[in-house]
Amino acid sequence: MKLAEGMQRIGVELAFEVLVQARALEARGRSVIHLEIGEPDFPTPPHIVDAAKRALDEGWTHYGPTLGDPELRAAIARMFRAHAGSR
């Protein structure tokens, strides 16, 4: 398959190169805290997996609003106001 000339200039995402280097350090016994690609080092909690499945079944398969879901933003604001008021 012939690709466009510009495709030849696309490189590897640097974060993945850092991940390879970090894993090599771990293989040599070094302790590494992974911050390179946002991949957690723990499994997703079951209640989060269940909520994601439910959301997909309910049709939540498109991008949300740019500023975020208004109901979620309001809930977060209430939580922060309550927390700040308890100081």
Protein backbone atom coordinates (compact mmCIF):
# COMPACT_ATOMS: atom_id res chain seq x y z
CA MET A 1 0.00 0.00 0.00
CA LYS A 2 1.33 3.43 -0.92
CA LEU A 3 1.03 6.05 1.81
CA ALA A 4 1.08 9.82 1.52
CA GLU A 5 4.54 11.35 1.72
CA GLY A 6 3.70 13.10 5.01
CA MET A 7 3.06 9.72 6.65
CA GLN A 8 6.78 8.99 6.44
CA ARG A 9 7.48 11.84 8.88
CA ILE A 10 5.17 10.64 11.64
CA GLY A 11 7.18 9.45 14.59
CA VAL A 12 6.45 7.39 17.67
CA GLU A 13 4.64 9.07 20.56
CA LEU A 14 7.39 10.08 22.98
CA ALA A 15 5.37 8.94 26.01
CA PHE A 16 5.53 5.35 24.78
CA GLU A 17 9.31 5.60 24.40
CA VAL A 18 9.50 6.78 28.00
CA LEU A 19 7.33 3.82 29.04
CA VAL A 20 9.73 1.40 27.35
CA GLN A 21 12.66 2.99 29.18
CA ALA A 22 10.81 2.90 32.51
CA ARG A 23 9.99 -0.79 32.09
CA ALA A 24 13.63 -1.50 31.26
CA LEU A 25 14.64 0.19 34.53
CA GLU A 26 12.08 -1.92 36.42
CA ALA A 27 13.46 -5.06 34.80
CA ARG A 28 16.84 -4.11 36.28
CA GLY A 29 15.30 -3.81 39.75
CA ARG A 30 14.72 -0.04 39.89
CA SER A 31 11.56 1.32 41.52
CA VAL A 32 9.60 3.46 39.04
CA ILE A 33 6.51 5.62 39.50
CA HIS A 34 4.76 5.65 36.11
CA LEU A 35 3.58 9.07 34.95
CA GLU A 36 4.28 8.65 31.25
CA ILE A 37 0.95 7.67 29.65
CA GLY A 38 -1.62 7.75 32.40
CA GLU A 39 -1.97 3.97 32.58
CA PRO A 40 -2.90 3.11 36.16
CA ASP A 41 -1.04 0.36 37.97
CA PHE A 42 -4.25 -1.03 39.47
CA PRO A 43 -7.39 -2.56 37.96
CA THR A 44 -10.43 -0.39 37.39
CA PRO A 45 -12.77 -0.81 40.39
CA PRO A 46 -15.82 -2.97 39.59
CA HIS A 47 -18.34 -0.19 40.31
CA ILE A 48 -16.62 2.00 37.70
CA VAL A 49 -16.68 -0.82 35.13
CA ASP A 50 -20.39 -1.39 35.85
CA ALA A 51 -21.15 2.33 35.49
CA ALA A 52 -19.28 2.46 32.18
CA LYS A 53 -21.22 -0.54 30.85
CA ARG A 54 -24.50 1.04 31.93
CA ALA A 55 -23.58 4.33 30.25
CA LEU A 56 -22.77 2.55 26.98
CA ASP A 57 -26.03 0.59 27.12
CA GLU A 58 -27.88 3.89 27.67
CA GLY A 59 -26.30 5.40 24.54
CA TRP A 60 -23.67 7.64 26.13
CA THR A 61 -21.27 7.09 23.21
CA HIS A 62 -20.62 10.64 21.96
CA TYR A 63 -18.43 13.49 23.10
CA GLY A 64 -19.86 15.49 25.96
CA PRO A 65 -20.00 19.28 26.22
CA THR A 66 -16.62 21.00 25.96
CA LEU A 67 -16.93 22.47 29.44
CA GLY A 68 -18.14 19.18 30.90
CA ASP A 69 -21.53 17.86 31.98
CA PRO A 70 -23.44 20.70 33.68
CA GLU A 71 -24.93 18.41 36.36
CA LEU A 72 -21.53 16.97 37.21
CA ARG A 73 -19.97 20.44 37.33
CA ALA A 74 -22.71 21.62 39.70
CA ALA A 75 -22.22 18.58 41.94
CA ILE A 76 -18.46 19.16 42.07
CA ALA A 77 -19.01 22.85 42.89
CA ARG A 78 -21.37 21.90 45.74
CA MET A 79 -18.81 19.44 47.10
CA PHE A 80 -16.03 22.04 47.03
CA ARG A 81 -18.24 24.69 48.64
CA ALA A 82 -19.18 22.24 51.41
CA HIS A 83 -15.53 21.27 51.91
CA ALA A 84 -14.34 24.88 51.97
CA GLY A 85 -17.08 25.79 54.43
CA SER A 86 -15.97 23.07 56.86
CA ARG A 87 -12.54 24.62 57.41
